[in-house]
Amino acid sequence: MDRIILNGKRMITREKTHAYLKRKFSFPDYYGKNLDALWDLLSTWDQETEVVILHRDAVLEQLGDYGASLLDLFGELQEESRHLTITFAD
């Protein structure tokens, strides 16, 4: 199983967050850099992968409502994806 560690302290703006996610997940160049595009790619993810999200509080502090939506997206992925295991750790 692969493991991807996401550091919430690196998610300081929407733009930087999506650039960071693109790099960490090795998304293709056509990645739309928004929550819908993130969902589209991760909901069809076919590799067994553990995603560890560190510093959830930093995501909320730095991105506000957008950060909450991002964390909700990962929570929904935890419930719906057969290939992704999402863990929140602080």
PDB file of N, CA and C in Angstrom:
ATOM      1  N   MET A   1       0.843  -1.183   0.000  1.00  0.00           N
ATOM      2  CA  MET A   1       0.000   0.000   0.000  1.00  0.00           C
ATOM      3  C   MET A   1       0.887   1.244   0.000  1.00  0.00           C
ATOM      4  N   ASP A   2       0.563   2.159  -0.889  1.00  0.00           N
ATOM      5  CA  ASP A   2       1.268   3.437  -0.928  1.00  0.00           C
ATOM      6  C   ASP A   2       0.781   4.309   0.223  1.00  0.00           C
ATOM      7  N   ARG A   3       1.595   5.305   0.548  1.00  0.00           N
ATOM      8  CA  ARG A   3       1.228   6.246   1.612  1.00  0.00           C
ATOM      9  C   ARG A   3       1.566   7.655   1.146  1.00  0.00           C
ATOM     10  N   ILE A   4       0.600   8.539   1.272  1.00  0.00           N
ATOM     11  CA  ILE A   4       0.792   9.947   0.933  1.00  0.00           C
ATOM     12  C   ILE A   4       0.507  10.751   2.190  1.00  0.00           C
ATOM     13  N   ILE A   5       1.477  11.545   2.604  1.00  0.00           N
ATOM     14  CA  ILE A   5       1.319  12.379   3.795  1.00  0.00           C
ATOM     15  C   ILE A   5       1.119  13.822   3.346  1.00  0.00           C
ATOM     16  N   LEU A   6       0.010  14.401   3.767  1.00  0.00           N
ATOM     17  CA  LEU A   6      -0.307  15.786   3.442  1.00  0.00           C
ATOM     18  C   LEU A   6      -0.164  16.636   4.697  1.00  0.00           C
ATOM     19  N   ASN A   7       0.612  17.693   4.592  1.00  0.00           N
ATOM     20  CA  ASN A   7       0.850  18.600   5.708  1.00  0.00           C
ATOM     21  C   ASN A   7      -0.055  19.819   5.555  1.00  0.00           C
ATOM     22  N   GLY A   8      -1.035  19.941   6.437  1.00  0.00           N
ATOM     23  CA  GLY A   8      -1.966  21.056   6.372  1.00  0.00           C
ATOM     24  C   GLY A   8      -1.307  22.421   6.461  1.00  0.00           C
ATOM     25  N   LYS A   9      -0.135  22.490   7.052  1.00  0.00           N
ATOM     26  CA  LYS A   9       0.575  23.771   7.153  1.00  0.00           C
ATOM     27  C   LYS A   9       1.072  24.252   5.794  1.00  0.00           C
ATOM     28  N   ARG A  10       1.110  23.364   4.807  1.00  0.00           N
ATOM     29  CA  ARG A  10       1.539  23.740   3.457  1.00  0.00           C
ATOM     30  C   ARG A  10       0.377  24.270   2.617  1.00  0.00           C
ATOM     31  N   MET A  11      -0.833  24.162   3.131  1.00  0.00           N
ATOM     32  CA  MET A  11      -2.027  24.562   2.384  1.00  0.00           C
ATOM     33  C   MET A  11      -2.441  25.962   2.828  1.00  0.00           C
ATOM     34  N   ILE A  12      -1.767  26.971   2.285  1.00  0.00           N
ATOM     35  CA  ILE A  12      -1.969  28.333   2.783  1.00  0.00           C
ATOM     36  C   ILE A  12      -2.885  29.188   1.904  1.00  0.00           C
ATOM     37  N   THR A  13      -3.041  28.827   0.650  1.00  0.00           N
ATOM     38  CA  THR A  13      -4.007  29.471  -0.242  1.00  0.00           C
ATOM     39  C   THR A  13      -4.629  28.374  -1.098  1.00  0.00           C
ATOM     40  N   ARG A  14      -5.728  28.688  -1.754  1.00  0.00           N
ATOM     41  CA  ARG A  14      -6.339  27.693  -2.646  1.00  0.00           C
ATOM     42  C   ARG A  14      -5.355  27.262  -3.727  1.00  0.00           C
ATOM     43  N   GLU A  15      -4.706  28.241  -4.327  1.00  0.00           N
ATOM     44  CA  GLU A  15      -3.790  27.948  -5.427  1.00  0.00           C
ATOM     45  C   GLU A  15      -2.634  27.062  -4.965  1.00  0.00           C
ATOM     46  N   LYS A  16      -2.028  27.423  -3.842  1.00  0.00           N
ATOM     47  CA  LYS A  16      -0.901  26.633  -3.334  1.00  0.00           C
ATOM     48  C   LYS A  16      -1.359  25.253  -2.877  1.00  0.00           C
ATOM     49  N   THR A  17      -2.565  25.180  -2.342  1.00  0.00           N
ATOM     50  CA  THR A  17      -3.105  23.887  -1.918  1.00  0.00           C
ATOM     51  C   THR A  17      -3.234  22.945  -3.107  1.00  0.00           C
ATOM     52  N   HIS A  18      -3.798  23.428  -4.191  1.00  0.00           N
ATOM     53  CA  HIS A  18      -3.996  22.551  -5.348  1.00  0.00           C
ATOM     54  C   HIS A  18      -2.675  22.219  -6.042  1.00  0.00           C
ATOM     55  N   ALA A  19      -1.734  23.137  -6.044  1.00  0.00           N
ATOM     56  CA  ALA A  19      -0.409  22.819  -6.587  1.00  0.00           C
ATOM     57  C   ALA A  19       0.259  21.740  -5.732  1.00  0.00           C
ATOM     58  N   TYR A  20       0.117  21.850  -4.427  1.00  0.00           N
ATOM     59  CA  TYR A  20       0.673  20.875  -3.490  1.00  0.00           C
ATOM     60  C   TYR A  20       0.021  19.506  -3.685  1.00  0.00           C
ATOM     61  N   LEU A  21      -1.307  19.469  -3.776  1.00  0.00           N
ATOM     62  CA  LEU A  21      -2.014  18.205  -3.988  1.00  0.00           C
ATOM     63  C   LEU A  21      -1.641  17.580  -5.328  1.00  0.00           C
ATOM     64  N   LYS A  22      -1.530  18.400  -6.353  1.00  0.00           N
ATOM     65  CA  LYS A  22      -1.137  17.903  -7.683  1.00  0.00           C
ATOM     66  C   LYS A  22       0.215  17.210  -7.609  1.00  0.00           C
ATOM     67  N   ARG A  23       1.142  17.821  -6.907  1.00  0.00           N
ATOM     68  CA  ARG A  23       2.485  17.246  -6.777  1.00  0.00           C
ATOM     69  C   ARG A  23       2.467  15.973  -5.928  1.00  0.00           C
ATOM     70  N   LYS A  24       1.786  16.010  -4.796  1.00  0.00           N
ATOM     71  CA  LYS A  24       1.776  14.860  -3.885  1.00  0.00           C
ATOM     72  C   LYS A  24       1.098  13.633  -4.504  1.00  0.00           C
ATOM     73  N   PHE A  25       0.031  13.854  -5.268  1.00  0.00           N
ATOM     74  CA  PHE A  25      -0.693  12.739  -5.882  1.00  0.00           C
ATOM     75  C   PHE A  25      -0.224  12.446  -7.313  1.00  0.00           C
ATOM     76  N   SER A  26       0.720  13.232  -7.814  1.00  0.00           N
ATOM     77  CA  SER A  26       1.197  13.084  -9.200  1.00  0.00           C
ATOM     78  C   SER A  26       0.031  13.169 -10.191  1.00  0.00           C
ATOM     79  N   PHE A  27      -0.825  14.165  -9.991  1.00  0.00           N
ATOM     80  CA  PHE A  27      -1.960  14.362 -10.885  1.00  0.00           C
ATOM     81  C   PHE A  27      -1.475  14.788 -12.266  1.00  0.00           C
ATOM     82  N   PRO A  28      -2.248  14.490 -13.297  1.00  0.00           N
ATOM     83  CA  PRO A  28      -1.888  14.906 -14.659  1.00  0.00           C
ATOM     84  C   PRO A  28      -2.026  16.422 -14.822  1.00  0.00           C
ATOM     85  N   ASP A  29      -1.438  16.931 -15.881  1.00  0.00           N
ATOM     86  CA  ASP A  29      -1.462  18.369 -16.134  1.00  0.00           C
ATOM     87  C   ASP A  29      -2.876  18.921 -16.294  1.00  0.00           C
ATOM     88  N   TYR A  30      -3.813  18.086 -16.722  1.00  0.00           N
ATOM     89  CA  TYR A  30      -5.179  18.579 -16.926  1.00  0.00           C
ATOM     90  C   TYR A  30      -5.970  18.736 -15.622  1.00  0.00           C
ATOM     91  N   TYR A  31      -5.360  18.433 -14.480  1.00  0.00           N
ATOM     92  CA  TYR A  31      -6.037  18.599 -13.189  1.00  0.00           C
ATOM     93  C   TYR A  31      -6.565  20.022 -13.073  1.00  0.00           C
ATOM     94  N   GLY A  32      -7.853  20.162 -12.792  1.00  0.00           N
ATOM     95  CA  GLY A  32      -8.529  21.460 -12.812  1.00  0.00           C
ATOM     96  C   GLY A  32      -8.291  22.369 -11.622  1.00  0.00           C
ATOM     97  N   LYS A  33      -7.578  21.896 -10.606  1.00  0.00           N
ATOM     98  CA  LYS A  33      -7.217  22.711  -9.443  1.00  0.00           C
ATOM     99  C   LYS A  33      -8.433  23.312  -8.741  1.00  0.00           C
ATOM    100  N   ASN A  34      -9.439  22.479  -8.513  1.00  0.00           N
ATOM    101  CA  ASN A  34     -10.603  22.862  -7.726  1.00  0.00           C
ATOM    102  C   ASN A  34     -11.152  21.604  -7.058  1.00  0.00           C
ATOM    103  N   LEU A  35     -12.110  21.770  -6.167  1.00  0.00           N
ATOM    104  CA  LEU A  35     -12.607  20.628  -5.397  1.00  0.00           C
ATOM    105  C   LEU A  35     -13.322  19.600  -6.267  1.00  0.00           C
ATOM    106  N   ASP A  36     -14.033  20.052  -7.291  1.00  0.00           N
ATOM    107  CA  ASP A  36     -14.698  19.100  -8.187  1.00  0.00           C
ATOM    108  C   ASP A  36     -13.680  18.243  -8.927  1.00  0.00           C
ATOM    109  N   ALA A  37     -12.626  18.869  -9.412  1.00  0.00           N
ATOM    110  CA  ALA A  37     -11.577  18.126 -10.120  1.00  0.00           C
ATOM    111  C   ALA A  37     -10.859  17.171  -9.172  1.00  0.00           C
ATOM    112  N   LEU A  38     -10.631  17.613  -7.938  1.00  0.00           N
ATOM    113  CA  LEU A  38      -9.994  16.753  -6.942  1.00  0.00           C
ATOM    114  C   LEU A  38     -10.868  15.528  -6.686  1.00  0.00           C
ATOM    115  N   TRP A  39     -12.160  15.739  -6.503  1.00  0.00           N
ATOM    116  CA  TRP A  39     -13.083  14.624  -6.295  1.00  0.00           C
ATOM    117  C   TRP A  39     -13.055  13.666  -7.493  1.00  0.00           C
ATOM    118  N   ASP A  40     -13.109  14.237  -8.701  1.00  0.00           N
ATOM    119  CA  ASP A  40     -13.125  13.398  -9.902  1.00  0.00           C
ATOM    120  C   ASP A  40     -11.914  12.477  -9.961  1.00  0.00           C
ATOM    121  N   LEU A  41     -10.746  12.995  -9.641  1.00  0.00           N
ATOM    122  CA  LEU A  41      -9.535  12.169  -9.709  1.00  0.00           C
ATOM    123  C   LEU A  41      -9.445  11.187  -8.549  1.00  0.00           C
ATOM    124  N   LEU A  42      -9.760  11.627  -7.348  1.00  0.00           N
ATOM    125  CA  LEU A  42      -9.594  10.738  -6.198  1.00  0.00           C
ATOM    126  C   LEU A  42     -10.726   9.724  -6.055  1.00  0.00           C
ATOM    127  N   SER A  43     -11.917  10.043  -6.511  1.00  0.00           N
ATOM    128  CA  SER A  43     -13.020   9.079  -6.405  1.00  0.00           C
ATOM    129  C   SER A  43     -12.852   7.922  -7.382  1.00  0.00           C
ATOM    130  N   THR A  44     -11.988   8.088  -8.366  1.00  0.00           N
ATOM    131  CA  THR A  44     -11.702   7.004  -9.315  1.00  0.00           C
ATOM    132  C   THR A  44     -10.296   6.436  -9.116  1.00  0.00           C
ATOM    133  N   TRP A  45      -9.667   6.807  -8.027  1.00  0.00           N
ATOM    134  CA  TRP A  45      -8.308   6.340  -7.698  1.00  0.00           C
ATOM    135  C   TRP A  45      -8.324   4.817  -7.596  1.00  0.00           C
ATOM    136  N   ASP A  46      -7.388   4.146  -8.249  1.00  0.00           N
ATOM    137  CA  ASP A  46      -7.439   2.684  -8.270  1.00  0.00           C
ATOM    138  C   ASP A  46      -6.227   2.009  -7.633  1.00  0.00           C
ATOM    139  N   GLN A  47      -5.439   2.751  -6.883  1.00  0.00           N
ATOM    140  CA  GLN A  47      -4.293   2.185  -6.177  1.00  0.00           C
ATOM    141  C   GLN A  47      -4.589   2.193  -4.677  1.00  0.00           C
ATOM    142  N   GLU A  48      -4.250   1.097  -4.016  1.00  0.00           N
ATOM    143  CA  GLU A  48      -4.409   1.050  -2.562  1.00  0.00           C
ATOM    144  C   GLU A  48      -3.468   2.085  -1.945  1.00  0.00           C
ATOM    145  N   THR A  49      -4.038   3.103  -1.331  1.00  0.00           N
ATOM    146  CA  THR A  49      -3.246   4.218  -0.817  1.00  0.00           C
ATOM    147  C   THR A  49      -3.806   4.699   0.511  1.00  0.00           C
ATOM    148  N   GLU A  50      -2.901   4.910   1.448  1.00  0.00           N
ATOM    149  CA  GLU A  50      -3.268   5.562   2.701  1.00  0.00           C
ATOM    150  C   GLU A  50      -2.894   7.030   2.578  1.00  0.00           C
ATOM    151  N   VAL A  51      -3.838   7.900   2.854  1.00  0.00           N
ATOM    152  CA  VAL A  51      -3.596   9.339   2.847  1.00  0.00           C
ATOM    153  C   VAL A  51      -3.669   9.811   4.294  1.00  0.00           C
ATOM    154  N   VAL A  52      -2.568  10.364   4.776  1.00  0.00           N
ATOM    155  CA  VAL A  52      -2.509  10.881   6.141  1.00  0.00           C
ATOM    156  C   VAL A  52      -2.510  12.405   6.053  1.00  0.00           C
ATOM    157  N   ILE A  53      -3.477  13.026   6.692  1.00  0.00           N
ATOM    158  CA  ILE A  53      -3.575  14.486   6.682  1.00  0.00           C
ATOM    159  C   ILE A  53      -3.158  14.998   8.053  1.00  0.00           C
ATOM    160  N   LEU A  54      -2.040  15.711   8.070  1.00  0.00           N
ATOM    161  CA  LEU A  54      -1.507  16.296   9.296  1.00  0.00           C
ATOM    162  C   LEU A  54      -1.987  17.734   9.438  1.00  0.00           C
ATOM    163  N   HIS A  55      -2.149  18.184  10.655  1.00  0.00           N
ATOM    164  CA  HIS A  55      -2.461  19.586  10.963  1.00  0.00           C
ATOM    165  C   HIS A  55      -3.767  20.053  10.310  1.00  0.00           C
ATOM    166  N   ARG A  56      -4.813  19.290  10.566  1.00  0.00           N
ATOM    167  CA  ARG A  56      -6.148  19.646  10.064  1.00  0.00           C
ATOM    168  C   ARG A  56      -6.538  21.054  10.508  1.00  0.00           C
ATOM    169  N   ASP A  57      -6.147  21.431  11.732  1.00  0.00           N
ATOM    170  CA  ASP A  57      -6.480  22.761  12.243  1.00  0.00           C
ATOM    171  C   ASP A  57      -5.860  23.865  11.397  1.00  0.00           C
ATOM    172  N   ALA A  58      -4.662  23.632  10.867  1.00  0.00           N
ATOM    173  CA  ALA A  58      -4.007  24.628  10.014  1.00  0.00           C
ATOM    174  C   ALA A  58      -4.776  24.813   8.707  1.00  0.00           C
ATOM    175  N   VAL A  59      -5.319  23.734   8.174  1.00  0.00           N
ATOM    176  CA  VAL A  59      -6.122  23.829   6.950  1.00  0.00           C
ATOM    177  C   VAL A  59      -7.325  24.739   7.204  1.00  0.00           C
ATOM    178  N   LEU A  60      -7.972  24.550   8.324  1.00  0.00           N
ATOM    179  CA  LEU A  60      -9.147  25.367   8.653  1.00  0.00           C
ATOM    180  C   LEU A  60      -8.770  26.821   8.915  1.00  0.00           C
ATOM    181  N   GLU A  61      -7.679  27.043   9.631  1.00  0.00           N
ATOM    182  CA  GLU A  61      -7.246  28.411   9.942  1.00  0.00           C
ATOM    183  C   GLU A  61      -6.857  29.173   8.681  1.00  0.00           C
ATOM    184  N   GLN A  62      -6.156  28.511   7.787  1.00  0.00           N
ATOM    185  CA  GLN A  62      -5.604  29.193   6.610  1.00  0.00           C
ATOM    186  C   GLN A  62      -6.596  29.299   5.458  1.00  0.00           C
ATOM    187  N   LEU A  63      -7.498  28.324   5.329  1.00  0.00           N
ATOM    188  CA  LEU A  63      -8.399  28.303   4.178  1.00  0.00           C
ATOM    189  C   LEU A  63      -9.862  28.536   4.542  1.00  0.00           C
ATOM    190  N   GLY A  64     -10.163  28.617   5.823  1.00  0.00           N
ATOM    191  CA  GLY A  64     -11.533  28.906   6.251  1.00  0.00           C
ATOM    192  C   GLY A  64     -12.546  27.895   5.736  1.00  0.00           C
ATOM    193  N   ASP A  65     -13.649  28.414   5.177  1.00  0.00           N
ATOM    194  CA  ASP A  65     -14.719  27.548   4.676  1.00  0.00           C
ATOM    195  C   ASP A  65     -14.229  26.622   3.568  1.00  0.00           C
ATOM    196  N   TYR A  66     -13.314  27.110   2.742  1.00  0.00           N
ATOM    197  CA  TYR A  66     -12.771  26.271   1.671  1.00  0.00           C
ATOM    198  C   TYR A  66     -12.000  25.096   2.273  1.00  0.00           C
ATOM    199  N   GLY A  67     -11.263  25.353   3.332  1.00  0.00           N
ATOM    200  CA  GLY A  67     -10.544  24.284   4.021  1.00  0.00           C
ATOM    201  C   GLY A  67     -11.496  23.267   4.615  1.00  0.00           C
ATOM    202  N   ALA A  68     -12.611  23.744   5.171  1.00  0.00           N
ATOM    203  CA  ALA A  68     -13.620  22.829   5.717  1.00  0.00           C
ATOM    204  C   ALA A  68     -14.199  21.960   4.605  1.00  0.00           C
ATOM    205  N   SER A  69     -14.452  22.562   3.453  1.00  0.00           N
ATOM    206  CA  SER A  69     -14.968  21.792   2.313  1.00  0.00           C
ATOM    207  C   SER A  69     -13.947  20.772   1.833  1.00  0.00           C
ATOM    208  N   LEU A  70     -12.690  21.149   1.834  1.00  0.00           N
ATOM    209  CA  LEU A  70     -11.621  20.231   1.435  1.00  0.00           C
ATOM    210  C   LEU A  70     -11.551  19.042   2.391  1.00  0.00           C
ATOM    211  N   LEU A  71     -11.593  19.307   3.677  1.00  0.00           N
ATOM    212  CA  LEU A  71     -11.552  18.223   4.663  1.00  0.00           C
ATOM    213  C   LEU A  71     -12.801  17.352   4.578  1.00  0.00           C
ATOM    214  N   ASP A  72     -13.951  17.973   4.316  1.00  0.00           N
ATOM    215  CA  ASP A  72     -15.179  17.197   4.120  1.00  0.00           C
ATOM    216  C   ASP A  72     -15.048  16.264   2.924  1.00  0.00           C
ATOM    217  N   LEU A  73     -14.421  16.760   1.858  1.00  0.00           N
ATOM    218  CA  LEU A  73     -14.207  15.939   0.667  1.00  0.00           C
ATOM    219  C   LEU A  73     -13.391  14.695   1.015  1.00  0.00           C
ATOM    220  N   PHE A  74     -12.319  14.876   1.772  1.00  0.00           N
ATOM    221  CA  PHE A  74     -11.507  13.719   2.165  1.00  0.00           C
ATOM    222  C   PHE A  74     -12.301  12.784   3.078  1.00  0.00           C
ATOM    223  N   GLY A  75     -13.155  13.335   3.930  1.00  0.00           N
ATOM    224  CA  GLY A  75     -14.010  12.501   4.768  1.00  0.00           C
ATOM    225  C   GLY A  75     -14.977  11.668   3.940  1.00  0.00           C
ATOM    226  N   GLU A  76     -15.556  12.276   2.904  1.00  0.00           N
ATOM    227  CA  GLU A  76     -16.455  11.543   2.013  1.00  0.00           C
ATOM    228  C   GLU A  76     -15.703  10.469   1.242  1.00  0.00           C
ATOM    229  N   LEU A  77     -14.486  10.781   0.832  1.00  0.00           N
ATOM    230  CA  LEU A  77     -13.675   9.774   0.139  1.00  0.00           C
ATOM    231  C   LEU A  77     -13.418   8.571   1.037  1.00  0.00           C
ATOM    232  N   GLN A  78     -13.193   8.826   2.315  1.00  0.00           N
ATOM    233  CA  GLN A  78     -12.963   7.734   3.264  1.00  0.00           C
ATOM    234  C   GLN A  78     -14.148   6.775   3.260  1.00  0.00           C
ATOM    235  N   GLU A  79     -15.354   7.327   3.165  1.00  0.00           N
ATOM    236  CA  GLU A  79     -16.559   6.505   3.193  1.00  0.00           C
ATOM    237  C   GLU A  79     -16.823   5.798   1.869  1.00  0.00           C
ATOM    238  N   GLU A  80     -16.474   6.429   0.753  1.00  0.00           N
ATOM    239  CA  GLU A  80     -16.894   5.924  -0.549  1.00  0.00           C
ATOM    240  C   GLU A  80     -15.823   5.191  -1.345  1.00  0.00           C
ATOM    241  N   SER A  81     -14.572   5.449  -1.071  1.00  0.00           N
ATOM    242  CA  SER A  81     -13.507   4.852  -1.880  1.00  0.00           C
ATOM    243  C   SER A  81     -13.101   3.486  -1.340  1.00  0.00           C
ATOM    244  N   ARG A  82     -12.940   2.549  -2.244  1.00  0.00           N
ATOM    245  CA  ARG A  82     -12.445   1.225  -1.858  1.00  0.00           C
ATOM    246  C   ARG A  82     -10.924   1.199  -1.796  1.00  0.00           C
ATOM    247  N   HIS A  83     -10.281   2.182  -2.411  1.00  0.00           N
ATOM    248  CA  HIS A  83      -8.827   2.142  -2.548  1.00  0.00           C
ATOM    249  C   HIS A  83      -8.090   3.162  -1.689  1.00  0.00           C
ATOM    250  N   LEU A  84      -8.808   4.128  -1.147  1.00  0.00           N
ATOM    251  CA  LEU A  84      -8.175   5.159  -0.327  1.00  0.00           C
ATOM    252  C   LEU A  84      -8.573   4.999   1.131  1.00  0.00           C
ATOM    253  N   THR A  85      -7.584   5.064   1.996  1.00  0.00           N
ATOM    254  CA  THR A  85      -7.811   5.119   3.431  1.00  0.00           C
ATOM    255  C   THR A  85      -7.339   6.485   3.892  1.00  0.00           C
ATOM    256  N   ILE A  86      -8.227   7.260   4.474  1.00  0.00           N
ATOM    257  CA  ILE A  86      -7.907   8.622   4.898  1.00  0.00           C
ATOM    258  C   ILE A  86      -7.774   8.637   6.415  1.00  0.00           C
ATOM    259  N   THR A  87      -6.658   9.188   6.891  1.00  0.00           N
ATOM    260  CA  THR A  87      -6.411   9.309   8.322  1.00  0.00           C
ATOM    261  C   THR A  87      -6.090  10.762   8.638  1.00  0.00           C
ATOM    262  N   PHE A  88      -6.727  11.302   9.662  1.00  0.00           N
ATOM    263  CA  PHE A  88      -6.424  12.653  10.132  1.00  0.00           C
ATOM    264  C   PHE A  88      -5.571  12.528  11.383  1.00  0.00           C
ATOM    265  N   ALA A  89      -4.433  13.196  11.390  1.00  0.00           N
ATOM    266  CA  ALA A  89      -3.529  13.162  12.544  1.00  0.00           C
ATOM    267  C   ALA A  89      -3.008  14.570  12.788  1.00  0.00           C
ATOM    268  N   ASP A  90      -2.905  14.948  14.058  1.00  0.00           N
ATOM    269  CA  ASP A  90      -2.387  16.288  14.372  1.00  0.00           C
ATOM    270  C   ASP A  90      -1.147  16.235  15.194  1.00  0.00           C
TER     271      ASP A  90
END
